[in-house]
Each structure stands twice: as structure tokens, then as C-alpha cells.
Protein backbone atom coordinates (compact mmCIF):
# COMPACT_ATOMS: atom_id res chain seq x y z
CA UNK A 1 -6.83 3.85 -0.75
CA UNK A 2 -6.26 4.86 -4.06
CA UNK A 3 -3.40 3.57 -6.08
CA UNK A 4 -1.39 6.63 -6.08
CA UNK A 5 -1.62 6.63 -2.28
CA UNK A 6 -0.54 3.04 -2.47
CA UNK A 7 2.46 3.76 -4.41
CA UNK A 8 3.20 6.76 -2.55
CA UNK A 9 3.30 4.55 0.70
CA UNK A 10 4.87 1.61 -0.93
CA UNK A 11 7.71 3.90 -2.11
CA UNK A 12 8.30 5.56 1.62
CA UNK A 13 8.48 2.02 3.13
CA UNK A 14 11.30 0.82 0.55
CA UNK A 15 13.05 4.04 1.04
CA UNK A 16 13.14 3.53 5.15
CA UNK A 17 13.86 0.02 4.53
CA UNK A 18 16.60 0.32 1.76
CA UNK A 19 18.59 2.55 4.54
CA UNK A 20 18.36 0.30 7.40
CA UNK A 21 19.45 -2.39 5.51
CA UNK A 22 22.33 -0.90 4.01
CA UNK A 23 24.04 -0.30 7.70
CA UNK A 24 24.05 -3.67 8.37
CA UNK A 25 24.93 -5.44 4.17
CA UNK A 26 28.67 -6.94 4.54
CA UNK A 27 28.42 -7.23 8.27
CA UNK A 28 28.96 -10.67 9.93
CA UNK A 29 25.79 -9.87 11.78
CA UNK A 30 23.84 -9.48 8.85
CA UNK A 31 23.35 -13.54 8.45
CA UNK A 32 22.85 -14.32 11.25
CA UNK A 33 19.84 -16.78 12.51
CA UNK A 34 17.53 -14.81 15.39
CA UNK A 35 14.15 -16.79 14.70
CA UNK A 36 12.07 -19.23 12.37
CA UNK A 37 9.36 -17.23 11.02
CA UNK A 38 5.88 -17.71 10.56
CA UNK A 39 6.82 -19.04 6.94
CA UNK A 40 8.89 -21.61 9.01
CA UNK A 41 11.79 -20.98 7.36
CA UNK A 42 14.62 -19.82 9.20
CA UNK A 43 14.93 -15.76 10.24
CA UNK A 44 18.12 -14.03 9.45
CA UNK A 45 18.92 -10.74 10.59
CA UNK A 46 18.77 -8.60 7.84
CA UNK A 47 15.29 -10.22 7.26
CA UNK A 48 13.96 -8.95 11.15
CA UNK A 49 15.87 -4.84 10.32
CA UNK A 50 13.69 -5.25 6.92
CA UNK A 51 10.77 -6.43 8.02
CA UNK A 52 10.84 -4.45 11.82
CA UNK A 53 11.12 -1.29 9.51
CA UNK A 54 8.54 -2.16 7.11
CA UNK A 55 5.82 -2.78 9.67
CA UNK A 56 6.63 0.46 11.59
CA UNK A 57 5.25 2.25 8.71
CA UNK A 58 2.27 -0.25 7.63
CA UNK A 59 1.18 -0.02 11.18
CA UNK A 60 0.25 3.74 11.11
CA UNK A 61 -2.14 2.73 8.11
CA UNK A 62 -5.86 0.89 8.03
CA UNK A 63 -4.36 -2.09 6.28
CA UNK A 64 -3.78 -6.08 7.25
CA UNK A 65 -0.19 -6.70 6.62
CA UNK A 66 0.78 -10.54 5.49
CA UNK A 67 4.46 -11.21 5.62
CA UNK A 68 7.27 -13.73 5.85
CA UNK A 69 8.65 -13.24 9.53
CA UNK A 70 5.10 -11.84 11.59
CA UNK A 71 2.17 -13.37 9.43
CA UNK A 72 -0.78 -11.55 9.50
CA UNK A 73 -0.34 -8.00 11.38
CA UNK A 74 -3.08 -5.59 11.99
CA UNK A 75 -7.06 -5.67 10.47
CA UNK A 76 -7.30 -3.03 7.92
CA UNK A 77 -9.74 -3.67 4.79
CA UNK A 78 -6.58 -3.16 2.02
CA UNK A 79 -4.42 -6.08 2.28
CA UNK A 80 -0.98 -5.80 1.96
CA UNK A 81 1.70 -8.96 0.72
CA UNK A 82 5.19 -7.87 1.93
CA UNK A 83 8.13 -9.55 1.20
CA UNK A 84 10.93 -7.04 3.21
CA UNK A 85 13.55 -9.31 2.00
CA UNK A 86 13.29 -11.28 -1.22
CA UNK A 87 17.01 -12.67 -2.04
CA UNK A 88 18.15 -13.11 1.64
CA UNK A 89 21.04 -15.41 0.45
CA UNK A 90 22.04 -12.11 -2.06
CA UNK A 91 22.19 -10.15 0.43
CA UNK A 92 23.87 -11.74 2.81
CA UNK A 93 26.54 -12.86 0.72
CA UNK A 94 26.86 -9.33 -1.09
CA UNK A 95 25.43 -10.05 -4.20
CA UNK A 96 23.08 -7.07 -5.27
CA UNK A 97 20.10 -8.85 -6.51
CA UNK A 98 17.31 -8.61 -3.36
CA UNK A 99 14.30 -6.68 -2.97
CA UNK A 100 11.59 -5.63 -1.26
CA UNK A 101 8.23 -5.85 -2.73
CA UNK A 102 4.70 -5.05 -1.58
CA UNK A 103 1.25 -6.15 -3.24
CA UNK A 104 -1.72 -4.42 -2.19
CA UNK A 105 -5.37 -5.71 -2.84
CA UNK A 106 -8.94 -4.63 -2.00
CA UNK A 107 -9.47 -8.20 -0.62
CA UNK A 108 -7.85 -11.58 -0.05
CA UNK A 109 -7.66 -12.47 -3.84
CA UNK A 110 -4.88 -11.95 -6.35
CA UNK A 111 -7.41 -10.59 -8.61
CA UNK A 112 -8.08 -7.34 -6.36
CA UNK A 113 -4.68 -6.08 -6.93
CA UNK A 114 -4.44 -2.36 -7.64
CA UNK A 115 -0.79 -1.86 -6.73
CA UNK A 116 2.27 -3.66 -6.87
CA UNK A 117 6.15 -2.36 -6.08
CA UNK A 118 9.22 -3.92 -6.03
CA UNK A 119 12.44 -1.89 -5.23
CA UNK A 120 15.93 -3.75 -6.04
CA UNK A 121 17.37 -2.29 -2.36
CA UNK A 122 21.24 -2.95 -3.66
CA UNK A 123 20.85 -0.64 -7.29
CA UNK A 124 17.55 1.52 -6.44
CA UNK A 125 15.68 0.14 -9.05
CA UNK A 126 12.07 0.26 -8.62
CA UNK A 127 9.46 -1.59 -10.89
CA UNK A 128 5.18 -0.63 -9.86
CA UNK A 129 2.18 -0.79 -11.69
CA UNK A 130 -0.76 1.04 -11.30
CA UNK A 131 -3.86 2.25 -13.41
CA UNK A 132 -3.29 -0.35 -16.02
CA UNK A 133 0.60 0.31 -16.95
CA UNK A 134 3.92 -1.20 -15.52
CA UNK A 135 7.08 0.91 -15.50
CA UNK A 136 11.21 0.75 -14.29
CA UNK A 137 12.34 3.82 -12.70
CA UNK A 138 9.15 5.90 -14.09
CA UNK A 139 9.45 4.60 -17.63
CA UNK A 140 6.77 1.91 -18.99
CA UNK A 141 7.84 -1.38 -19.52
CA UNK A 142 6.34 -4.24 -21.91
CA UNK A 143 7.63 -7.92 -21.99
CA UNK A 144 9.35 -9.16 -24.84
CA UNK A 145 7.77 -10.58 -28.15
CA UNK A 146 10.26 -13.88 -28.62
CA UNK A 147 7.78 -16.46 -29.94
CA UNK A 148 10.55 -19.24 -30.26
CA UNK A 149 11.50 -21.63 -27.36
CA UNK A 150 15.00 -22.16 -28.95
CA UNK A 151 15.63 -18.52 -28.51
CA UNK A 152 14.16 -17.55 -25.64
CA UNK A 153 16.10 -16.64 -22.57
CA UNK A 154 14.29 -18.11 -19.59
CA UNK A 155 14.77 -18.00 -15.82
CA UNK A 156 13.97 -21.22 -14.12
CA UNK A 157 13.13 -22.86 -11.04
CA UNK A 158 14.58 -25.74 -11.47
CA UNK A 159 15.45 -27.73 -14.42
CA UNK A 160 15.28 -31.54 -14.28
CA UNK A 161 15.52 -32.14 -17.77
CA UNK A 162 17.61 -30.46 -20.84
CA UNK A 163 15.03 -27.67 -22.10
CA UNK A 164 15.37 -26.41 -25.89
CA UNK A 165 15.74 -23.12 -24.36
CA UNK A 166 18.87 -20.55 -25.85
CA UNK A 167 19.69 -20.23 -22.05
CA UNK A 168 18.69 -20.58 -18.68
CA UNK A 169 19.39 -18.57 -15.37
CA UNK A 170 19.04 -18.45 -11.96
CA UNK A 171 19.55 -15.16 -10.21
CA UNK A 172 17.85 -16.03 -6.47
CA UNK A 173 14.78 -12.91 -6.15
CA UNK A 174 11.94 -14.37 -7.38
CA UNK A 175 10.18 -10.88 -7.19
CA UNK A 176 13.19 -9.17 -9.59
CA UNK A 177 13.42 -11.63 -11.94
CA UNK A 178 9.33 -11.18 -12.94
CA UNK A 179 10.27 -8.19 -13.10
CA UNK A 180 12.95 -8.90 -15.35
CA UNK A 181 10.61 -10.85 -17.48
CA UNK A 182 8.15 -7.63 -17.20
CA UNK A 183 10.51 -5.47 -19.13
CA UNK A 184 11.80 -7.92 -21.40
CA UNK A 185 15.34 -8.34 -19.72
CA UNK A 186 13.84 -12.12 -20.04
CA UNK A 187 11.44 -13.53 -22.39
CA UNK A 188 9.84 -15.74 -19.54
CA UNK A 189 9.70 -16.79 -15.80
CA UNK A 190 9.65 -20.64 -14.79
CA UNK A 191 8.72 -21.76 -11.36
CA UNK A 192 7.41 -26.14 -11.18
CA UNK A 193 9.06 -26.34 -7.73
CA UNK A 194 6.88 -28.63 -5.11
CA UNK A 195 6.55 -28.85 -2.10
CA UNK A 196 4.05 -30.82 0.23
CA UNK A 197 2.13 -31.66 -2.86
CA UNK A 198 1.67 -27.89 -3.66
CA UNK A 199 3.75 -25.55 -5.14
CA UNK A 200 6.91 -23.71 -3.63
CA UNK A 201 6.41 -19.80 -3.97
CA UNK A 202 4.65 -18.19 -1.18
CA UNK A 203 1.98 -15.17 -2.26
CA UNK A 204 4.14 -12.04 -0.66
CA UNK A 205 7.60 -13.58 -2.70
CA UNK A 206 5.56 -12.98 -6.26
CA UNK A 207 2.12 -11.17 -5.96
CA UNK A 208 3.24 -7.71 -6.45
CA UNK A 209 6.26 -8.43 -9.63
CA UNK A 210 3.16 -10.77 -10.80
CA UNK A 211 0.78 -7.74 -11.10
CA UNK A 212 3.64 -5.94 -12.71
CA UNK A 213 4.05 -8.50 -15.00
CA UNK A 214 0.57 -8.58 -16.04
CA UNK A 215 0.25 -4.88 -16.67
CA UNK A 216 3.60 -5.25 -19.07
CA UNK A 217 1.47 -7.46 -21.13
CA UNK A 218 2.20 -10.84 -19.81
CA UNK A 219 0.45 -13.92 -19.33
CA UNK A 220 0.90 -15.37 -15.83
CA UNK A 221 -0.67 -18.56 -15.34
CA UNK A 222 0.64 -21.88 -12.74
CA UNK A 223 2.62 -24.57 -14.67
CA UNK A 224 -0.69 -26.49 -16.10
CA UNK A 225 -1.84 -22.78 -17.94
CA UNK A 226 -4.59 -22.39 -14.85
CA UNK A 227 -5.44 -18.47 -14.27
CA UNK A 228 -4.13 -17.27 -10.96
CA UNK A 229 -6.74 -14.21 -10.35
CA UNK A 230 -8.65 -16.85 -7.74
CA UNK A 231 -5.33 -17.58 -6.03
CA UNK A 232 -5.21 -16.16 -2.56
CA UNK A 233 -2.53 -13.75 -0.81
CA UNK A 234 -2.59 -15.96 2.06
CA UNK A 235 0.14 -17.96 4.54
CA UNK A 236 -0.96 -20.83 3.12
CA UNK A 237 -1.04 -20.26 -0.29
CA UNK A 238 1.04 -21.62 -2.74
CA UNK A 239 2.11 -21.02 -6.07
CA UNK A 240 3.76 -22.20 -9.66
CA UNK A 241 4.26 -19.71 -12.36
CA UNK A 242 4.84 -19.74 -16.07
CA UNK A 243 5.27 -15.77 -16.78
CA UNK A 244 6.04 -14.43 -20.73
CA UNK A 245 4.32 -12.90 -23.39
CA UNK A 246 1.18 -14.46 -24.83
CA UNK A 247 2.79 -16.00 -28.41
CA UNK A 248 5.19 -17.67 -25.84
CA UNK A 249 3.50 -18.94 -23.56
CA UNK A 250 1.27 -21.82 -24.70
CA UNK A 251 4.69 -23.21 -26.23
CA UNK A 252 6.46 -22.78 -22.73
CA UNK A 253 3.64 -25.09 -21.41
CA UNK A 254 4.15 -27.64 -23.88
CA UNK A 255 7.73 -27.95 -23.15
CA UNK A 256 8.00 -28.28 -19.26
CA UNK A 257 4.73 -30.51 -19.28
């Protein structure tokens, strides 16, 4: 599978999921809990509808899908890390900030990613990265050049003390928030949450957006500054994150540690 073929497939999946999800957004059934996903979190009806639609398309291809609700599906050589709905709370409440994300890799490691795709299912804005460049709606994007933490606009899960940033926000969809860092809307994305001794974020939450940010010029590490290339795309992997332009990154690490 080439990067362009992966992008075409991601767009097809995104288009169909957006269409099906739009049918139930705003309805009472949208937020009904219908089960527990393979990741151990409650599955809402909107999650089920989105994943079912995505898998109907992805099963036609020789891929292994790692997804929030169903776990591992398929046995293909190409690994697809899928989050059918990132920002379920926003979607249920009608807040137009929720997405689908697909990360295509030649192995179970992040370093072998060759296509990342994130679609805002409410607005239709799409972010993607192939062949070393990243785009929003077809236009090349790049991280900001802010190098002073005191002037930085930061997306942060969760600030536990006062920080010297210009402003801090939490928007509720990690994949879109990392993309907002990739296109310079925000200067940084930080997530230093821990659960059970590990980071909080799952691969399907952020891998596609991380690939987009990396190719938009971002430095991406865990909260201690460690590279992410050897992080896995498996169900049990967890991430902490610091994502920003290289000039700001080292200063952020000193502030949060």
C-alpha cells in the first residue's frame, strides 16, 4: 500500500463515518452506553456506529486494524490504528470538535508510520500527512515559531499547578488538538497524565496526529523528552506527550518536570 493509497482509503472511511454519524448526532440514542470496549472504557452508540462503518470498509483490504472498541481485527501486513470517534463527549453534547483518525504503519511500531489522517467529523476539516509533508484541507501546514513559554498558547492535560504560559486550554479531542499544534493554531500540546503507572493516551488516540505534527516540523516526545519512534501501536501501549516546535520544546520540558 502506497501513502497515496492509504490516504484515499482514509478519506473513504472518513466520508462514510461522517455520513452515518451525522444521522444520530443530537439524538437521545447518541450517548446511550451499549457495552464496554476492548480498551475497558464504555462504548456509546455513536462509537459503535462509527467503528462498525469504518470496519465495513477496512475489512475489504489486507490490513490489521487496532481499534478502540473491537481490539485487533484482521491479519494484514499493514497496521491501521483507528479511533472511530475521538471526542465522544463533544459529539454527544453537540460540540463541533470530534474526529476520526487513522494511522497507517508498515509494522506495529510508530516509526514505520507512512500516512496519518484526522478528519473533524463536525466541520469536515481534514488533516493528513504523506511523503514528508503535512496538510490541512490541501494546504501545507507548519508548527508555530513561538520560543518563549510565557507567550505560548498550550493545550494541556492536566495542569496540576500554575504554569507560566500565556493561556492553557483543553478542547476534548487529543487528535485534533495535536493537529492544532501542527498547524500553529496552538504552540504546544502536553499530556502528562498517568493511569496504573503508565501514560494515559492510547496509540489510536494520537498516533495519526503525531505523524502529522512531526512532518509539520514538531518535536514529539514523552514528558521526559524520550523519542517516540519505538512506541508500539498495540492495545496495551500508553503515551505521555510533549509536542511543540523544537525551539520551545526543551523549555517546556524544564517547566513541567
